[in-house]
């Protein structure tokens, strides 16, 4: 299953279109697919970064997933990046709230932490776990 991620975090947003804009413009994700409902809500979206993928959609769609998630959140997502400092600069230039500046960790990673507009925590670093 080369090229197919085994795990895909799935998030819901009150303003999924704004989340897609932030994730693509500030964090460098690529838009793979976006499916909208008749009312303009995001029923399902897929955004890729490297060989990973996140899926997201609008809150309040009435889907089984939406109902099951209730008022859940926020979540945390970790993304492996090659150049933490450049990635951080890009996010900061787009006004993203930075929770932790790029930091060298004792275990050899360099990473930083940011919060999106709806409270989800995004960590970006050089630590690349192996399966």
Protein backbone atom coordinates (compact mmCIF):
# COMPACT_ATOMS: atom_id res chain seq x y z
CA UNK A 1 0.00 0.00 0.00
CA UNK A 2 2.79 2.41 -0.90
CA UNK A 3 1.59 6.00 -0.96
CA UNK A 4 -1.48 5.19 1.13
CA UNK A 5 -1.34 6.44 4.74
CA UNK A 6 -2.46 3.89 7.32
CA UNK A 7 -3.71 6.48 9.81
CA UNK A 8 -5.49 9.73 8.94
CA UNK A 9 -6.40 12.16 11.72
CA UNK A 10 -9.90 13.53 11.20
CA UNK A 11 -10.90 16.96 12.48
CA UNK A 12 -14.11 18.97 12.48
CA UNK A 13 -14.24 22.75 12.29
CA UNK A 14 -16.90 25.41 12.78
CA UNK A 15 -15.34 27.13 9.75
CA UNK A 16 -13.79 24.32 7.71
CA UNK A 17 -13.06 26.59 4.74
CA UNK A 18 -10.95 28.88 6.94
CA UNK A 19 -9.18 25.80 8.35
CA UNK A 20 -8.36 24.59 4.83
CA UNK A 21 -6.96 28.02 3.96
CA UNK A 22 -4.79 28.06 7.11
CA UNK A 23 -3.53 24.51 6.64
CA UNK A 24 -2.61 25.06 2.99
CA UNK A 25 -1.28 28.62 3.14
CA UNK A 26 0.36 28.74 6.58
CA UNK A 27 1.33 25.10 7.12
CA UNK A 28 2.01 24.00 3.53
CA UNK A 29 -0.55 21.22 3.20
CA UNK A 30 -1.80 20.38 -0.31
CA UNK A 31 -5.50 20.17 -1.03
CA UNK A 32 -6.33 16.69 -2.35
CA UNK A 33 -10.14 16.84 -2.29
CA UNK A 34 -12.94 19.03 -0.96
CA UNK A 35 -16.60 17.99 -1.13
CA UNK A 36 -19.21 20.57 -0.20
CA UNK A 37 -22.84 20.16 0.76
CA UNK A 38 -25.61 22.14 -0.91
CA UNK A 39 -25.38 24.71 1.89
CA UNK A 40 -21.65 25.26 1.27
CA UNK A 41 -20.50 23.30 4.30
CA UNK A 42 -17.47 21.06 3.88
CA UNK A 43 -18.78 17.52 4.02
CA UNK A 44 -15.31 16.01 3.59
CA UNK A 45 -11.85 17.33 2.73
CA UNK A 46 -8.46 15.67 2.38
CA UNK A 47 -5.21 17.58 2.77
CA UNK A 48 -1.80 15.98 2.34
CA UNK A 49 1.65 16.72 3.71
CA UNK A 50 4.50 14.46 2.67
CA UNK A 51 3.10 10.93 2.75
CA UNK A 52 0.50 11.82 5.39
CA UNK A 53 -3.07 12.98 5.15
CA UNK A 54 -5.59 14.74 7.37
CA UNK A 55 -9.30 14.66 6.72
CA UNK A 56 -11.64 17.37 7.91
CA UNK A 57 -15.14 18.69 7.61
CA UNK A 58 -17.61 21.19 8.95
CA UNK A 59 -19.28 20.79 12.32
CA UNK A 60 -23.05 20.48 12.21
CA UNK A 61 -23.38 18.44 9.01
CA UNK A 62 -25.52 15.82 10.74
CA UNK A 63 -23.38 12.92 9.53
CA UNK A 64 -22.88 9.92 11.81
CA UNK A 65 -19.28 11.06 12.46
CA UNK A 66 -20.39 14.62 13.23
CA UNK A 67 -23.07 13.43 15.66
CA UNK A 68 -20.68 10.96 17.30
CA UNK A 69 -18.01 13.61 17.86
CA UNK A 70 -20.47 15.89 19.65
CA UNK A 71 -18.61 18.86 21.08
CA UNK A 72 -15.29 16.97 21.14
CA UNK A 73 -11.98 18.70 20.62
CA UNK A 74 -9.51 20.16 20.41
CA UNK A 75 -7.04 17.60 19.11
CA UNK A 76 -3.30 17.50 18.63
CA UNK A 77 -1.55 16.51 15.41
CA UNK A 78 2.20 16.00 14.89
CA UNK A 79 3.71 16.53 11.41
CA UNK A 80 7.27 15.65 10.39
CA UNK A 81 8.98 18.49 8.50
CA UNK A 82 12.50 18.81 7.09
CA UNK A 83 13.14 22.46 7.95
CA UNK A 84 11.44 23.43 11.20
CA UNK A 85 12.68 27.03 11.15
CA UNK A 86 11.45 27.74 7.61
CA UNK A 87 8.12 26.06 8.40
CA UNK A 88 7.78 28.15 11.57
CA UNK A 89 8.56 31.37 9.68
CA UNK A 90 5.85 30.59 7.13
CA UNK A 91 3.27 29.92 9.83
CA UNK A 92 4.22 33.05 11.80
CA UNK A 93 4.03 35.19 8.64
CA UNK A 94 0.42 34.02 8.23
CA UNK A 95 -0.44 35.10 11.77
CA UNK A 96 -0.67 31.64 13.29
CA UNK A 97 -0.55 31.59 17.10
CA UNK A 98 2.80 30.07 18.04
CA UNK A 99 2.74 28.24 21.38
CA UNK A 100 6.39 27.17 21.38
CA UNK A 101 9.16 28.62 19.23
CA UNK A 102 11.50 26.19 17.40
CA UNK A 103 13.32 24.28 20.13
CA UNK A 104 16.00 21.59 20.14
CA UNK A 105 14.75 18.66 22.24
CA UNK A 106 16.86 16.28 24.37
CA UNK A 107 15.81 13.35 22.17
CA UNK A 108 17.29 14.94 19.04
CA UNK A 109 14.26 16.58 17.45
CA UNK A 110 13.82 20.25 16.63
CA UNK A 111 10.19 21.28 16.77
CA UNK A 112 7.65 24.00 17.38
CA UNK A 113 4.00 24.11 18.37
CA UNK A 114 1.11 26.20 17.04
CA UNK A 115 -2.62 26.54 17.62
CA UNK A 116 -5.17 26.93 14.85
CA UNK A 117 -8.13 29.32 15.09
CA UNK A 118 -10.36 26.63 16.65
CA UNK A 119 -7.92 25.47 19.33
CA UNK A 120 -6.35 22.40 17.71
CA UNK A 121 -2.66 21.99 18.50
CA UNK A 122 -0.27 21.40 15.59
CA UNK A 123 3.29 20.30 16.33
CA UNK A 124 5.91 20.29 13.58
CA UNK A 125 9.30 18.69 14.03
CA UNK A 126 12.15 16.64 12.72
CA UNK A 127 11.45 13.59 14.91
CA UNK A 128 10.30 10.88 12.49
CA UNK A 129 8.97 7.79 14.27
CA UNK A 130 9.59 4.51 12.48
CA UNK A 131 7.02 1.75 12.18
